[in-house]
C-alpha atoms as a PDB file:
ATOM      1  CA  MET A   1       0.000   0.000   0.000  1.00  0.00           C
ATOM      2  CA  PRO A   2       1.476   3.405  -0.935  1.00  0.00           C
ATOM      3  CA  GLN A   3       2.188   5.837   1.874  1.00  0.00           C
ATOM      4  CA  PRO A   4       0.439   9.204   1.828  1.00  0.00           C
ATOM      5  CA  ILE A   5       2.652  12.186   1.089  1.00  0.00           C
ATOM      6  CA  LEU A   6       2.078  13.309   4.675  1.00  0.00           C
ATOM      7  CA  CYS A   7       3.981  10.310   6.000  1.00  0.00           C
ATOM      8  CA  LEU A   8       6.968  11.187   3.843  1.00  0.00           C
ATOM      9  CA  ASP A   9       7.525  14.576   5.491  1.00  0.00           C
ATOM     10  CA  GLU A  10       8.594  14.064   9.090  1.00  0.00           C
ATOM     11  CA  GLU A  11       7.927  17.652  10.221  1.00  0.00           C
ATOM     12  CA  VAL A  12       4.381  17.742   8.841  1.00  0.00           C
ATOM     13  CA  ARG A  13       3.626  14.262  10.188  1.00  0.00           C
ATOM     14  CA  HIS A  14       4.761  15.360  13.665  1.00  0.00           C
ATOM     15  CA  VAL A  15       2.442  18.386  13.634  1.00  0.00           C
ATOM     16  CA  VAL A  16      -0.561  16.432  12.344  1.00  0.00           C
ATOM     17  CA  GLU A  17      -0.095  13.571  14.801  1.00  0.00           C
ATOM     18  CA  ARG A  18      -0.283  16.023  17.699  1.00  0.00           C
ATOM     19  CA  PHE A  19      -3.848  16.900  16.643  1.00  0.00           C
ATOM     20  CA  ARG A  20      -5.045  13.326  15.949  1.00  0.00           C
ATOM     21  CA  PRO A  21      -6.654  12.763  19.405  1.00  0.00           C
ATOM     22  CA  LEU A  22      -8.822  15.865  18.962  1.00  0.00           C
ATOM     23  CA  TYR A  23     -10.679  14.651  15.876  1.00  0.00           C
ATOM     24  CA  SER A  24     -12.926  11.780  14.854  1.00  0.00           C
ATOM     25  CA  LYS A  25     -11.584   9.646  11.984  1.00  0.00           C
ATOM     26  CA  ALA A  26     -13.627  11.577   9.405  1.00  0.00           C
ATOM     27  CA  GLN A  27     -12.621  14.949  10.852  1.00  0.00           C
ATOM     28  CA  TYR A  28      -8.973  13.893  10.939  1.00  0.00           C
ATOM     29  CA  GLN A  29      -9.040  12.810   7.283  1.00  0.00           C
ATOM     30  CA  TYR A  30     -10.579  16.174   6.341  1.00  0.00           C
ATOM     31  CA  PHE A  31      -7.984  18.031   8.441  1.00  0.00           C
ATOM     32  CA  VAL A  32      -5.148  16.190   6.688  1.00  0.00           C
ATOM     33  CA  THR A  33      -6.674  16.836   3.261  1.00  0.00           C
ATOM     34  CA  VAL A  34      -7.000  20.567   3.924  1.00  0.00           C
ATOM     35  CA  LEU A  35      -3.521  20.748   5.421  1.00  0.00           C
ATOM     36  CA  LEU A  36      -1.977  19.004   2.405  1.00  0.00           C
ATOM     37  CA  GLY A  37      -3.859  21.349   0.061  1.00  0.00           C
ATOM     38  CA  ARG A  38      -2.499  24.392   1.878  1.00  0.00           C
ATOM     39  CA  TRP A  39       0.991  22.846   1.953  1.00  0.00           C
ATOM     40  CA  ASN A  40       0.845  22.377  -1.840  1.00  0.00           C
ATOM     41  CA  GLU A  41      -0.313  25.976  -2.321  1.00  0.00           C
ATOM     42  CA  MET A  42       2.623  27.236  -0.274  1.00  0.00           C
ATOM     43  CA  GLU A  43       5.051  25.055  -2.240  1.00  0.00           C
ATOM     44  CA  ASP A  44       3.636  26.321  -5.556  1.00  0.00           C
ATOM     45  CA  ALA A  45       3.982  29.940  -4.402  1.00  0.00           C
ATOM     46  CA  ARG A  46       7.720  29.539  -3.931  1.00  0.00           C
END
Protein backbone atom coordinates (compact mmCIF):
# COMPACT_ATOMS: atom_id res chain seq x y z
CA MET A 1 0.00 0.00 0.00
CA PRO A 2 1.48 3.41 -0.93
CA GLN A 3 2.19 5.84 1.87
CA PRO A 4 0.44 9.20 1.83
CA ILE A 5 2.65 12.19 1.09
CA LEU A 6 2.08 13.31 4.67
CA CYS A 7 3.98 10.31 6.00
CA LEU A 8 6.97 11.19 3.84
CA ASP A 9 7.53 14.58 5.49
CA GLU A 10 8.59 14.06 9.09
CA GLU A 11 7.93 17.65 10.22
CA VAL A 12 4.38 17.74 8.84
CA ARG A 13 3.63 14.26 10.19
CA HIS A 14 4.76 15.36 13.67
CA VAL A 15 2.44 18.39 13.63
CA VAL A 16 -0.56 16.43 12.34
CA GLU A 17 -0.10 13.57 14.80
CA ARG A 18 -0.28 16.02 17.70
CA PHE A 19 -3.85 16.90 16.64
CA ARG A 20 -5.04 13.33 15.95
CA PRO A 21 -6.65 12.76 19.41
CA LEU A 22 -8.82 15.87 18.96
CA TYR A 23 -10.68 14.65 15.88
CA SER A 24 -12.93 11.78 14.85
CA LYS A 25 -11.58 9.65 11.98
CA ALA A 26 -13.63 11.58 9.40
CA GLN A 27 -12.62 14.95 10.85
CA TYR A 28 -8.97 13.89 10.94
CA GLN A 29 -9.04 12.81 7.28
CA TYR A 30 -10.58 16.17 6.34
CA PHE A 31 -7.98 18.03 8.44
CA VAL A 32 -5.15 16.19 6.69
CA THR A 33 -6.67 16.84 3.26
CA VAL A 34 -7.00 20.57 3.92
CA LEU A 35 -3.52 20.75 5.42
CA LEU A 36 -1.98 19.00 2.40
CA GLY A 37 -3.86 21.35 0.06
CA ARG A 38 -2.50 24.39 1.88
CA TRP A 39 0.99 22.85 1.95
CA ASN A 40 0.84 22.38 -1.84
CA GLU A 41 -0.31 25.98 -2.32
CA MET A 42 2.62 27.24 -0.27
CA GLU A 43 5.05 25.06 -2.24
CA ASP A 44 3.64 26.32 -5.56
CA ALA A 45 3.98 29.94 -4.40
CA ARG A 46 7.72 29.54 -3.93
